[in-house]
Protein backbone atom coordinates (compact mmCIF):
# COMPACT_ATOMS: atom_id res chain seq x y z
CA MET A 1 -52.20 88.41 122.72
CA LYS A 2 -51.89 92.07 123.71
CA VAL A 3 -54.92 94.36 123.89
CA PRO A 4 -54.88 98.19 123.67
CA MET A 5 -55.62 100.02 126.91
CA ILE A 6 -56.43 103.64 127.73
CA GLY A 7 -55.54 103.27 131.39
CA ILE A 8 -55.64 101.50 134.74
CA CYS A 9 -56.96 103.61 137.61
CA ARG A 10 -56.36 102.32 141.15
CA HIS A 11 -57.89 103.05 144.55
CA ARG A 12 -61.37 104.07 143.47
CA LEU A 13 -63.59 104.05 146.55
CA THR A 14 -67.26 102.97 146.15
CA THR A 15 -67.16 104.19 142.54
CA ASP A 16 -68.87 101.83 140.07
CA GLY A 17 -68.62 99.00 142.57
CA GLN A 18 -68.29 98.18 146.25
CA GLY A 19 -65.22 98.85 148.34
CA VAL A 20 -61.90 99.62 146.68
CA THR A 21 -61.91 99.03 142.94
CA THR A 22 -59.47 99.35 140.08
CA LEU A 23 -60.73 100.52 136.71
CA VAL A 24 -59.31 98.59 133.76
CA ALA A 25 -60.17 100.66 130.68
CA PHE A 26 -59.90 99.31 127.13
CA HIS A 27 -59.35 101.22 123.91
CA GLY A 28 -62.10 101.08 121.27
CA CYS A 29 -65.84 101.75 121.15
CA PRO A 30 -68.64 101.12 118.64
CA LEU A 31 -70.31 104.46 119.46
CA ARG A 32 -69.47 108.00 118.42
CA CYS A 33 -71.11 109.96 121.22
CA LYS A 34 -71.19 113.72 120.78
CA TYR A 35 -70.09 114.35 124.38
CA CYS A 36 -67.68 111.43 124.77
CA LEU A 37 -66.04 111.38 128.20
CA ASN A 38 -63.10 109.23 127.05
CA ALA A 39 -62.45 110.40 123.50
CA GLN A 40 -58.96 108.89 123.59
CA CYS A 41 -60.60 105.47 123.29
CA LEU A 42 -61.40 106.34 119.65
CA ARG A 43 -58.11 107.88 118.62
CA ALA A 44 -55.28 105.86 117.11
CA ASP A 45 -52.89 107.78 119.35
CA GLY A 46 -55.09 107.25 122.41
CA VAL A 47 -53.57 103.90 123.36
CA TRP A 48 -51.81 104.10 126.72
CA ARG A 49 -50.27 100.64 126.63
CA GLN A 50 -50.66 97.27 124.91
CA MET A 51 -51.04 94.56 127.57
CA THR A 52 -51.61 90.83 127.81
CA VAL A 53 -54.20 89.46 130.21
CA GLU A 54 -51.36 88.13 132.35
CA LYS A 55 -49.77 91.58 132.54
CA ILE A 56 -53.07 93.25 133.46
CA LEU A 57 -53.56 90.68 136.21
CA ASP A 58 -50.04 91.23 137.53
CA GLU A 59 -50.52 94.98 137.57
CA VAL A 60 -53.83 95.04 139.44
CA ALA A 61 -52.86 92.26 141.88
CA VAL A 62 -50.84 94.79 143.88
CA ASP A 63 -54.18 95.77 145.48
CA ASP A 64 -55.30 92.23 146.26
CA LEU A 65 -55.50 92.90 150.02
CA TYR A 66 -57.61 96.04 149.47
CA PHE A 67 -60.03 94.11 147.26
CA LYS A 68 -60.40 91.29 149.76
CA ALA A 69 -60.68 93.55 152.81
CA THR A 70 -63.34 95.84 151.31
CA ASN A 71 -65.27 93.39 149.11
CA GLY A 72 -63.95 95.32 146.13
CA GLY A 73 -62.39 94.27 142.86
CA ILE A 74 -62.15 95.19 139.20
CA THR A 75 -64.34 97.46 137.08
CA PHE A 76 -63.96 96.95 133.34
CA GLY A 77 -64.62 100.06 131.28
CA GLY A 78 -63.39 101.96 128.29
CA GLY A 79 -64.34 102.60 125.61
CA GLU A 80 -66.53 99.57 125.37
CA PRO A 81 -65.09 96.70 127.42
CA LEU A 82 -67.36 94.06 125.87
CA LEU A 83 -65.37 94.39 122.66
CA ARG A 84 -62.77 92.50 124.75
CA ALA A 85 -65.16 89.89 126.16
CA ASP A 86 -62.80 86.95 125.59
CA GLU A 87 -59.97 88.70 127.41
CA ILE A 88 -62.29 89.68 130.28
CA ALA A 89 -63.45 86.07 130.65
CA ASP A 90 -59.83 84.88 130.60
CA PHE A 91 -58.94 87.42 133.29
CA CYS A 92 -61.89 86.39 135.44
CA MET A 93 -60.95 82.73 135.31
CA ARG A 94 -57.44 83.56 136.52
CA ARG A 95 -58.17 86.16 139.21
CA PRO A 96 -58.67 85.36 142.93
CA MET A 97 -62.32 84.42 143.31
CA GLU A 98 -62.77 86.90 146.18
CA TRP A 99 -62.43 89.80 143.76
CA ARG A 100 -65.75 91.17 142.60
CA ILE A 101 -66.16 92.01 138.91
CA TYR A 102 -68.05 95.05 137.62
CA ILE A 103 -68.54 96.28 134.08
CA GLU A 104 -69.53 99.62 132.53
CA THR A 105 -71.07 99.04 129.12
CA SER A 106 -73.38 100.50 126.49
CA LEU A 107 -74.53 96.94 125.56
CA ASN A 108 -74.22 97.90 121.89
CA VAL A 109 -72.33 94.70 121.11
CA GLU A 110 -73.00 91.23 119.76
CA ARG A 111 -74.95 88.95 122.09
CA ARG A 112 -72.04 86.50 122.22
CA ALA A 113 -69.96 89.06 124.08
CA ILE A 114 -72.51 89.32 126.89
CA GLU A 115 -72.95 85.57 127.10
CA THR A 116 -69.17 85.17 127.35
CA VAL A 117 -68.77 87.40 130.42
CA ALA A 118 -72.15 86.86 132.12
CA PRO A 119 -70.95 84.03 134.42
CA TYR A 120 -68.37 86.36 135.99
CA ILE A 121 -70.11 89.73 136.39
CA ASP A 122 -71.22 90.79 139.87
CA HIS A 123 -72.80 94.04 138.68
CA TYR A 124 -73.53 95.76 135.38
CA TYR A 125 -73.58 99.54 134.93
CA ILE A 126 -75.38 100.08 131.63
CA ASP A 127 -75.39 103.45 129.90
CA VAL A 128 -78.39 103.21 127.60
CA LYS A 129 -78.23 106.94 126.69
CA ASP A 130 -81.91 106.98 125.66
CA MET A 131 -84.37 104.29 124.58
CA ASN A 132 -85.77 106.48 121.79
CA PRO A 133 -84.07 105.26 118.56
CA ASP A 134 -84.04 108.76 117.04
CA VAL A 135 -82.46 110.38 120.10
CA TYR A 136 -79.95 107.55 120.39
CA ARG A 137 -78.90 107.75 116.75
CA ARG A 138 -78.55 111.53 116.77
CA TYR A 139 -76.34 111.35 119.87
CA THR A 140 -74.24 108.23 119.15
CA SER A 141 -74.44 107.98 115.32
CA ARG A 142 -75.47 104.36 115.84
CA ASP A 143 -78.65 102.26 116.05
CA ASN A 144 -79.86 101.03 119.45
CA SER A 145 -81.81 97.92 118.37
CA ARG A 146 -78.99 95.68 119.59
CA VAL A 147 -78.98 97.48 122.95
CA ILE A 148 -82.69 96.81 123.41
CA GLU A 149 -82.34 93.16 122.40
CA ASN A 150 -79.47 92.72 124.87
CA LEU A 151 -81.45 94.39 127.65
CA HIS A 152 -84.24 91.87 127.10
CA TRP A 153 -81.69 89.04 127.24
CA LEU A 154 -80.23 90.35 130.51
CA ALA A 155 -83.69 90.73 132.01
CA ASP A 156 -84.34 87.07 131.23
CA HIS A 157 -80.95 85.67 132.29
CA THR A 158 -79.58 87.87 135.09
CA ALA A 159 -80.70 88.72 138.61
CA LEU A 160 -81.95 92.28 138.14
CA GLU A 161 -80.45 93.52 141.40
CA LYS A 162 -77.13 93.10 139.58
CA VAL A 163 -78.00 95.80 137.02
CA THR A 164 -77.92 99.59 137.31
CA ILE A 165 -79.26 101.51 134.31
CA ARG A 166 -77.82 104.94 133.64
CA LEU A 167 -80.33 107.42 132.21
CA PRO A 168 -78.69 110.76 131.43
CA HIS A 169 -80.41 113.96 130.46
CA ILE A 170 -78.26 114.99 127.48
CA PRO A 171 -78.50 118.73 126.65
CA ASP A 172 -79.60 119.39 123.06
CA TYR A 173 -80.48 115.70 122.53
CA ASN A 174 -83.16 114.65 125.00
CA ALA A 175 -85.45 116.13 127.63
CA GLN A 176 -86.61 115.02 131.07
CA ALA A 177 -89.74 113.66 129.40
CA ASP A 178 -87.55 111.42 127.24
CA THR A 179 -85.66 110.01 130.21
CA ALA A 180 -88.95 109.42 132.02
CA LYS A 181 -90.30 107.51 129.04
CA SER A 182 -87.08 105.49 128.80
CA ARG A 183 -87.41 104.59 132.47
CA GLN A 184 -90.98 103.42 131.96
CA GLN A 185 -89.88 101.12 129.14
CA LEU A 186 -87.05 99.71 131.22
CA GLU A 187 -89.26 99.20 134.26
CA ALA A 188 -91.64 97.26 132.02
CA MET A 189 -88.72 94.89 131.32
CA GLY A 190 -88.23 94.46 135.07
CA PHE A 191 -85.29 96.77 135.78
CA ARG A 192 -85.50 98.62 139.09
CA HIS A 193 -82.15 100.30 139.74
CA PHE A 194 -81.48 103.57 137.91
CA ASP A 195 -78.87 106.30 137.98
CA SER A 196 -80.39 109.51 136.58
CA PHE A 197 -78.16 112.54 136.06
CA GLU A 198 -77.44 115.39 133.66
CA TYR A 199 -74.44 115.74 131.38
CA ILE A 200 -72.51 118.93 132.07
CA VAL A 201 -71.48 120.34 128.69
CA GLN A 202 -68.38 122.52 128.75
């Protein structure tokens, strides 16, 4: 089965993972963020290539020595990579075990998707946007109840040093006080690693 991709980006150094990583970015996302960084993941004409898991593996394997030498590996992104959880799990079962696996996700997916990939993920980068349901809905046009439920599941089933929570200040949608409150809620769940930053709106 072929899956739609928006790109494969090689030779990323200490970006969303240790060592040298390759970003494998899938087409498709459940969110409609107002300042989407990868808007091509939502467009019908935004598909770069259609690829099988075998072809993806063949393409990224060219950097096998870099991954092994630097403790690097693959970062799955998008779009929302967990919409392709079965393909990610298939990839992970086939890849050299020395490759580390990272994932960038909003967690706004069905629980089954997280359970499918959880055995293989070395680190999660989770963009929660904002924990306030009103802020989240205004910015993404979606509900965040599933995100919160999935965060609780991760807190109960994953070593928390494997999770980095991204908490952006989003101009016109939240304030520093909102991000501080979101952090308090997440710390109450047990999360300790945060990436706080501000969106630059062009």
